[in-house]
Amino acid sequence: MKKQKVDKRLPALIKAAMFENGISRDEMAVYLHVSVSTYNRRMNHYPEEFTVNNLRVFKDKLKLDPHVLAEAML
């Protein structure tokens, strides 16, 4: 069975912003109200499963420009 191709733009943007702001993935999972394993699964395999509320948290906590965030989601 062929592995599904995952678009890595959103995870790459989020990981870079987390590094710049000194936020660990454990902290980010707490902000998103999900377990660390769920956060890792979404980040590594299913970034399209992040909800609109999750994206608001990314924008607010990571100080991301909404236009940049929207572009990464395309």
PDB file of N, CA and C in Angstrom:
ATOM      1  N   MET A   1       0.840  -1.177   0.000  1.00  0.00           N
ATOM      2  CA  MET A   1       0.000   0.000   0.000  1.00  0.00           C
ATOM      3  C   MET A   1       0.884   1.240   0.000  1.00  0.00           C
ATOM      4  N   LYS A   2       0.523   2.206  -0.800  1.00  0.00           N
ATOM      5  CA  LYS A   2       1.316   3.419  -0.945  1.00  0.00           C
ATOM      6  C   LYS A   2       1.039   4.385   0.205  1.00  0.00           C
ATOM      7  N   LYS A   3       2.102   4.982   0.740  1.00  0.00           N
ATOM      8  CA  LYS A   3       1.953   5.933   1.837  1.00  0.00           C
ATOM      9  C   LYS A   3       1.423   7.260   1.300  1.00  0.00           C
ATOM     10  N   GLN A   4       0.451   7.820   2.022  1.00  0.00           N
ATOM     11  CA  GLN A   4      -0.137   9.096   1.623  1.00  0.00           C
ATOM     12  C   GLN A   4       0.874  10.224   1.822  1.00  0.00           C
ATOM     13  N   LYS A   5       0.959  11.101   0.837  1.00  0.00           N
ATOM     14  CA  LYS A   5       1.868  12.237   0.927  1.00  0.00           C
ATOM     15  C   LYS A   5       1.275  13.280   1.877  1.00  0.00           C
ATOM     16  N   VAL A   6       2.087  13.742   2.828  1.00  0.00           N
ATOM     17  CA  VAL A   6       1.632  14.719   3.814  1.00  0.00           C
ATOM     18  C   VAL A   6       2.249  16.069   3.490  1.00  0.00           C
ATOM     19  N   ASP A   7       1.401  17.092   3.446  1.00  0.00           N
ATOM     20  CA  ASP A   7       1.884  18.456   3.214  1.00  0.00           C
ATOM     21  C   ASP A   7       2.530  18.953   4.505  1.00  0.00           C
ATOM     22  N   LYS A   8       3.809  19.289   4.450  1.00  0.00           N
ATOM     23  CA  LYS A   8       4.576  19.649   5.646  1.00  0.00           C
ATOM     24  C   LYS A   8       4.703  21.153   5.863  1.00  0.00           C
ATOM     25  N   ARG A   9       4.017  21.983   5.049  1.00  0.00           N
ATOM     26  CA  ARG A   9       4.178  23.436   5.215  1.00  0.00           C
ATOM     27  C   ARG A   9       3.685  23.922   6.566  1.00  0.00           C
ATOM     28  N   LEU A  10       2.483  23.499   6.976  1.00  0.00           N
ATOM     29  CA  LEU A  10       1.943  23.952   8.255  1.00  0.00           C
ATOM     30  C   LEU A  10       2.800  23.462   9.420  1.00  0.00           C
ATOM     31  N   PRO A  11       3.118  22.152   9.503  1.00  0.00           N
ATOM     32  CA  PRO A  11       3.974  21.709  10.605  1.00  0.00           C
ATOM     33  C   PRO A  11       5.323  22.423  10.640  1.00  0.00           C
ATOM     34  N   ALA A  12       5.918  22.674   9.491  1.00  0.00           N
ATOM     35  CA  ALA A  12       7.214  23.362   9.459  1.00  0.00           C
ATOM     36  C   ALA A  12       7.084  24.787   9.984  1.00  0.00           C
ATOM     37  N   LEU A  13       6.025  25.481   9.593  1.00  0.00           N
ATOM     38  CA  LEU A  13       5.784  26.842  10.066  1.00  0.00           C
ATOM     39  C   LEU A  13       5.586  26.858  11.580  1.00  0.00           C
ATOM     40  N   ILE A  14       4.786  25.926  12.078  1.00  0.00           N
ATOM     41  CA  ILE A  14       4.497  25.870  13.508  1.00  0.00           C
ATOM     42  C   ILE A  14       5.748  25.527  14.300  1.00  0.00           C
ATOM     43  N   LYS A  15       6.507  24.532  13.840  1.00  0.00           N
ATOM     44  CA  LYS A  15       7.732  24.144  14.553  1.00  0.00           C
ATOM     45  C   LYS A  15       8.735  25.286  14.605  1.00  0.00           C
ATOM     46  N   ALA A  16       8.881  26.023  13.510  1.00  0.00           N
ATOM     47  CA  ALA A  16       9.808  27.161  13.486  1.00  0.00           C
ATOM     48  C   ALA A  16       9.351  28.245  14.457  1.00  0.00           C
ATOM     49  N   ALA A  17       8.051  28.536  14.472  1.00  0.00           N
ATOM     50  CA  ALA A  17       7.522  29.560  15.375  1.00  0.00           C
ATOM     51  C   ALA A  17       7.639  29.122  16.834  1.00  0.00           C
ATOM     52  N   MET A  18       7.430  27.835  17.104  1.00  0.00           N
ATOM     53  CA  MET A  18       7.586  27.330  18.468  1.00  0.00           C
ATOM     54  C   MET A  18       9.024  27.500  18.927  1.00  0.00           C
ATOM     55  N   PHE A  19       9.975  27.187  18.064  1.00  0.00           N
ATOM     56  CA  PHE A  19      11.391  27.332  18.396  1.00  0.00           C
ATOM     57  C   PHE A  19      11.719  28.796  18.693  1.00  0.00           C
ATOM     58  N   GLU A  20      11.235  29.700  17.842  1.00  0.00           N
ATOM     59  CA  GLU A  20      11.497  31.132  18.027  1.00  0.00           C
ATOM     60  C   GLU A  20      10.918  31.656  19.333  1.00  0.00           C
ATOM     61  N   ASN A  21       9.775  31.116  19.759  1.00  0.00           N
ATOM     62  CA  ASN A  21       9.105  31.579  20.971  1.00  0.00           C
ATOM     63  C   ASN A  21       9.444  30.747  22.202  1.00  0.00           C
ATOM     64  N   GLY A  22      10.283  29.730  22.047  1.00  0.00           N
ATOM     65  CA  GLY A  22      10.692  28.902  23.178  1.00  0.00           C
ATOM     66  C   GLY A  22       9.568  28.072  23.772  1.00  0.00           C
ATOM     67  N   ILE A  23       8.668  27.590  22.922  1.00  0.00           N
ATOM     68  CA  ILE A  23       7.539  26.781  23.380  1.00  0.00           C
ATOM     69  C   ILE A  23       7.790  25.328  22.993  1.00  0.00           C
ATOM     70  N   SER A  24       7.705  24.438  23.970  1.00  0.00           N
ATOM     71  CA  SER A  24       7.921  23.015  23.696  1.00  0.00           C
ATOM     72  C   SER A  24       6.637  22.391  23.154  1.00  0.00           C
ATOM     73  N   ARG A  25       6.765  21.191  22.588  1.00  0.00           N
ATOM     74  CA  ARG A  25       5.561  20.531  22.065  1.00  0.00           C
ATOM     75  C   ARG A  25       4.642  20.110  23.207  1.00  0.00           C
ATOM     76  N   ASP A  26       5.200  19.830  24.398  1.00  0.00           N
ATOM     77  CA  ASP A  26       4.355  19.516  25.552  1.00  0.00           C
ATOM     78  C   ASP A  26       3.487  20.719  25.918  1.00  0.00           C
ATOM     79  N   GLU A  27       4.097  21.910  25.937  1.00  0.00           N
ATOM     80  CA  GLU A  27       3.344  23.131  26.233  1.00  0.00           C
ATOM     81  C   GLU A  27       2.281  23.375  25.172  1.00  0.00           C
ATOM     82  N   MET A  28       2.645  23.177  23.909  1.00  0.00           N
ATOM     83  CA  MET A  28       1.693  23.418  22.827  1.00  0.00           C
ATOM     84  C   MET A  28       0.519  22.458  22.928  1.00  0.00           C
ATOM     85  N   ALA A  29       0.770  21.206  23.287  1.00  0.00           N
ATOM     86  CA  ALA A  29      -0.317  20.238  23.455  1.00  0.00           C
ATOM     87  C   ALA A  29      -1.272  20.698  24.556  1.00  0.00           C
ATOM     88  N   VAL A  30      -0.720  21.249  25.645  1.00  0.00           N
ATOM     89  CA  VAL A  30      -1.560  21.765  26.729  1.00  0.00           C
ATOM     90  C   VAL A  30      -2.406  22.933  26.227  1.00  0.00           C
ATOM     91  N   TYR A  31      -1.803  23.853  25.477  1.00  0.00           N
ATOM     92  CA  TYR A  31      -2.551  24.994  24.934  1.00  0.00           C
ATOM     93  C   TYR A  31      -3.694  24.531  24.036  1.00  0.00           C
ATOM     94  N   LEU A  32      -3.471  23.440  23.297  1.00  0.00           N
ATOM     95  CA  LEU A  32      -4.477  22.926  22.360  1.00  0.00           C
ATOM     96  C   LEU A  32      -5.492  22.003  23.028  1.00  0.00           C
ATOM     97  N   HIS A  33      -5.265  21.672  24.300  1.00  0.00           N
ATOM     98  CA  HIS A  33      -6.131  20.758  25.051  1.00  0.00           C
ATOM     99  C   HIS A  33      -6.185  19.376  24.404  1.00  0.00           C
ATOM    100  N   VAL A  34      -5.024  18.885  23.956  1.00  0.00           N
ATOM    101  CA  VAL A  34      -4.914  17.527  23.424  1.00  0.00           C
ATOM    102  C   VAL A  34      -3.729  16.846  24.100  1.00  0.00           C
ATOM    103  N   SER A  35      -3.674  15.526  23.988  1.00  0.00           N
ATOM    104  CA  SER A  35      -2.530  14.804  24.543  1.00  0.00           C
ATOM    105  C   SER A  35      -1.311  15.025  23.653  1.00  0.00           C
ATOM    106  N   VAL A  36      -0.142  14.792  24.217  1.00  0.00           N
ATOM    107  CA  VAL A  36       1.090  14.950  23.445  1.00  0.00           C
ATOM    108  C   VAL A  36       1.101  13.964  22.280  1.00  0.00           C
ATOM    109  N   SER A  37       0.603  12.746  22.494  1.00  0.00           N
ATOM    110  CA  SER A  37       0.596  11.761  21.405  1.00  0.00           C
ATOM    111  C   SER A  37      -0.336  12.202  20.266  1.00  0.00           C
ATOM    112  N   THR A  38      -1.487  12.785  20.604  1.00  0.00           N
ATOM    113  CA  THR A  38      -2.396  13.301  19.572  1.00  0.00           C
ATOM    114  C   THR A  38      -1.750  14.451  18.824  1.00  0.00           C
ATOM    115  N   TYR A  39      -1.106  15.342  19.560  1.00  0.00           N
ATOM    116  CA  TYR A  39      -0.417  16.475  18.935  1.00  0.00           C
ATOM    117  C   TYR A  39       0.649  15.973  17.964  1.00  0.00           C
ATOM    118  N   ASN A  40       1.477  15.013  18.409  1.00  0.00           N
ATOM    119  CA  ASN A  40       2.537  14.470  17.554  1.00  0.00           C
ATOM    120  C   ASN A  40       1.972  13.785  16.316  1.00  0.00           C
ATOM    121  N   ARG A  41       0.882  13.033  16.482  1.00  0.00           N
ATOM    122  CA  ARG A  41       0.263  12.337  15.345  1.00  0.00           C
ATOM    123  C   ARG A  41      -0.229  13.345  14.312  1.00  0.00           C
ATOM    124  N   ARG A  42      -0.901  14.378  14.779  1.00  0.00           N
ATOM    125  CA  ARG A  42      -1.397  15.394  13.844  1.00  0.00           C
ATOM    126  C   ARG A  42      -0.242  16.139  13.177  1.00  0.00           C
ATOM    127  N   MET A  43       0.745  16.496  13.961  1.00  0.00           N
ATOM    128  CA  MET A  43       1.860  17.275  13.424  1.00  0.00           C
ATOM    129  C   MET A  43       2.635  16.469  12.379  1.00  0.00           C
ATOM    130  N   ASN A  44       2.813  15.177  12.628  1.00  0.00           N
ATOM    131  CA  ASN A  44       3.651  14.359  11.754  1.00  0.00           C
ATOM    132  C   ASN A  44       2.904  13.660  10.619  1.00  0.00           C
ATOM    133  N   HIS A  45       1.609  13.401  10.796  1.00  0.00           N
ATOM    134  CA  HIS A  45       0.903  12.595   9.801  1.00  0.00           C
ATOM    135  C   HIS A  45      -0.390  13.203   9.272  1.00  0.00           C
ATOM    136  N   TYR A  46      -1.118  13.941  10.105  1.00  0.00           N
ATOM    137  CA  TYR A  46      -2.440  14.439   9.710  1.00  0.00           C
ATOM    138  C   TYR A  46      -2.632  15.911  10.087  1.00  0.00           C
ATOM    139  N   PRO A  47      -1.811  16.825   9.545  1.00  0.00           N
ATOM    140  CA  PRO A  47      -1.964  18.230   9.926  1.00  0.00           C
ATOM    141  C   PRO A  47      -3.325  18.818   9.565  1.00  0.00           C
ATOM    142  N   GLU A  48      -4.030  18.201   8.610  1.00  0.00           N
ATOM    143  CA  GLU A  48      -5.350  18.708   8.234  1.00  0.00           C
ATOM    144  C   GLU A  48      -6.377  18.504   9.347  1.00  0.00           C
ATOM    145  N   GLU A  49      -6.042  17.705  10.375  1.00  0.00           N
ATOM    146  CA  GLU A  49      -6.965  17.474  11.486  1.00  0.00           C
ATOM    147  C   GLU A  49      -6.946  18.597  12.524  1.00  0.00           C
ATOM    148  N   PHE A  50      -6.029  19.560  12.396  1.00  0.00           N
ATOM    149  CA  PHE A  50      -6.054  20.684  13.324  1.00  0.00           C
ATOM    150  C   PHE A  50      -7.332  21.474  13.077  1.00  0.00           C
ATOM    151  N   THR A  51      -8.027  21.819  14.144  1.00  0.00           N
ATOM    152  CA  THR A  51      -9.303  22.523  14.022  1.00  0.00           C
ATOM    153  C   THR A  51      -9.083  24.026  13.886  1.00  0.00           C
ATOM    154  N   VAL A  52     -10.147  24.728  13.581  1.00  0.00           N
ATOM    155  CA  VAL A  52     -10.082  26.189  13.490  1.00  0.00           C
ATOM    156  C   VAL A  52      -9.649  26.770  14.834  1.00  0.00           C
ATOM    157  N   ASN A  53     -10.157  26.203  15.920  1.00  0.00           N
ATOM    158  CA  ASN A  53      -9.766  26.672  17.248  1.00  0.00           C
ATOM    159  C   ASN A  53      -8.277  26.434  17.482  1.00  0.00           C
ATOM    160  N   ASN A  54      -7.756  25.294  17.031  1.00  0.00           N
ATOM    161  CA  ASN A  54      -6.320  25.018  17.141  1.00  0.00           C
ATOM    162  C   ASN A  54      -5.522  26.075  16.397  1.00  0.00           C
ATOM    163  N   LEU A  55      -5.992  26.450  15.220  1.00  0.00           N
ATOM    164  CA  LEU A  55      -5.286  27.447  14.421  1.00  0.00           C
ATOM    165  C   LEU A  55      -5.299  28.812  15.102  1.00  0.00           C
ATOM    166  N   ARG A  56      -6.389  29.135  15.802  1.00  0.00           N
ATOM    167  CA  ARG A  56      -6.422  30.388  16.569  1.00  0.00           C
ATOM    168  C   ARG A  56      -5.368  30.362  17.670  1.00  0.00           C
ATOM    169  N   VAL A  57      -5.226  29.213  18.326  1.00  0.00           N
ATOM    170  CA  VAL A  57      -4.212  29.076  19.377  1.00  0.00           C
ATOM    171  C   VAL A  57      -2.823  29.260  18.776  1.00  0.00           C
ATOM    172  N   PHE A  58      -2.568  28.638  17.624  1.00  0.00           N
ATOM    173  CA  PHE A  58      -1.267  28.810  16.971  1.00  0.00           C
ATOM    174  C   PHE A  58      -1.009  30.285  16.682  1.00  0.00           C
ATOM    175  N   LYS A  59      -2.032  30.952  16.154  1.00  0.00           N
ATOM    176  CA  LYS A  59      -1.885  32.371  15.798  1.00  0.00           C
ATOM    177  C   LYS A  59      -1.584  33.212  17.038  1.00  0.00           C
ATOM    178  N   ASP A  60      -2.323  32.971  18.124  1.00  0.00           N
ATOM    179  CA  ASP A  60      -2.169  33.784  19.331  1.00  0.00           C
ATOM    180  C   ASP A  60      -0.896  33.460  20.105  1.00  0.00           C
ATOM    181  N   LYS A  61      -0.652  32.190  20.367  1.00  0.00           N
ATOM    182  CA  LYS A  61       0.498  31.791  21.188  1.00  0.00           C
ATOM    183  C   LYS A  61       1.820  31.960  20.457  1.00  0.00           C
ATOM    184  N   LEU A  62       1.822  31.744  19.148  1.00  0.00           N
ATOM    185  CA  LEU A  62       3.066  31.796  18.381  1.00  0.00           C
ATOM    186  C   LEU A  62       3.246  33.124  17.653  1.00  0.00           C
ATOM    187  N   LYS A  63       2.278  34.015  17.827  1.00  0.00           N
ATOM    188  CA  LYS A  63       2.346  35.348  17.205  1.00  0.00           C
ATOM    189  C   LYS A  63       2.524  35.249  15.686  1.00  0.00           C
ATOM    190  N   LEU A  64       1.748  34.356  15.085  1.00  0.00           N
ATOM    191  CA  LEU A  64       1.822  34.158  13.636  1.00  0.00           C
ATOM    192  C   LEU A  64       0.883  35.115  12.916  1.00  0.00           C
ATOM    193  N   ASP A  65       1.324  35.597  11.796  1.00  0.00           N
ATOM    194  CA  ASP A  65       0.497  36.433  10.930  1.00  0.00           C
ATOM    195  C   ASP A  65      -0.603  35.543  10.340  1.00  0.00           C
ATOM    196  N   PRO A  66      -1.873  35.942  10.460  1.00  0.00           N
ATOM    197  CA  PRO A  66      -2.962  35.112   9.935  1.00  0.00           C
ATOM    198  C   PRO A  66      -2.827  34.797   8.444  1.00  0.00           C
ATOM    199  N   HIS A  67      -2.254  35.723   7.673  1.00  0.00           N
ATOM    200  CA  HIS A  67      -2.085  35.488   6.237  1.00  0.00           C
ATOM    201  C   HIS A  67      -1.055  34.388   5.975  1.00  0.00           C
ATOM    202  N   VAL A  68       0.014  34.384   6.759  1.00  0.00           N
ATOM    203  CA  VAL A  68       1.049  33.354   6.621  1.00  0.00           C
ATOM    204  C   VAL A  68       0.477  31.997   7.018  1.00  0.00           C
ATOM    205  N   LEU A  69      -0.298  31.984   8.090  1.00  0.00           N
ATOM    206  CA  LEU A  69      -0.920  30.752   8.554  1.00  0.00           C
ATOM    207  C   LEU A  69      -1.893  30.213   7.504  1.00  0.00           C
ATOM    208  N   ALA A  70      -2.705  31.081   6.927  1.00  0.00           N
ATOM    209  CA  ALA A  70      -3.660  30.662   5.895  1.00  0.00           C
ATOM    210  C   ALA A  70      -2.942  30.125   4.665  1.00  0.00           C
ATOM    211  N   GLU A  71      -1.843  30.761   4.292  1.00  0.00           N
ATOM    212  CA  GLU A  71      -1.076  30.307   3.130  1.00  0.00           C
ATOM    213  C   GLU A  71      -0.494  28.913   3.363  1.00  0.00           C
ATOM    214  N   ALA A  72      -0.058  28.636   4.589  1.00  0.00           N
ATOM    215  CA  ALA A  72       0.506  27.321   4.914  1.00  0.00           C
ATOM    216  C   ALA A  72      -0.559  26.237   4.883  1.00  0.00           C
ATOM    217  N   MET A  73      -1.818  26.632   5.074  1.00  0.00           N
ATOM    218  CA  MET A  73      -2.909  25.656   5.075  1.00  0.00           C
ATOM    219  C   MET A  73      -3.362  25.278   3.671  1.00  0.00           C
ATOM    220  N   LEU A  74      -3.015  26.062   2.660  1.00  0.00           N
ATOM    221  CA  LEU A  74      -3.473  25.779   1.292  1.00  0.00           C
ATOM    222  C   LEU A  74      -2.852  24.528   0.736  1.00  0.00           C
TER     223      LEU A  74
END
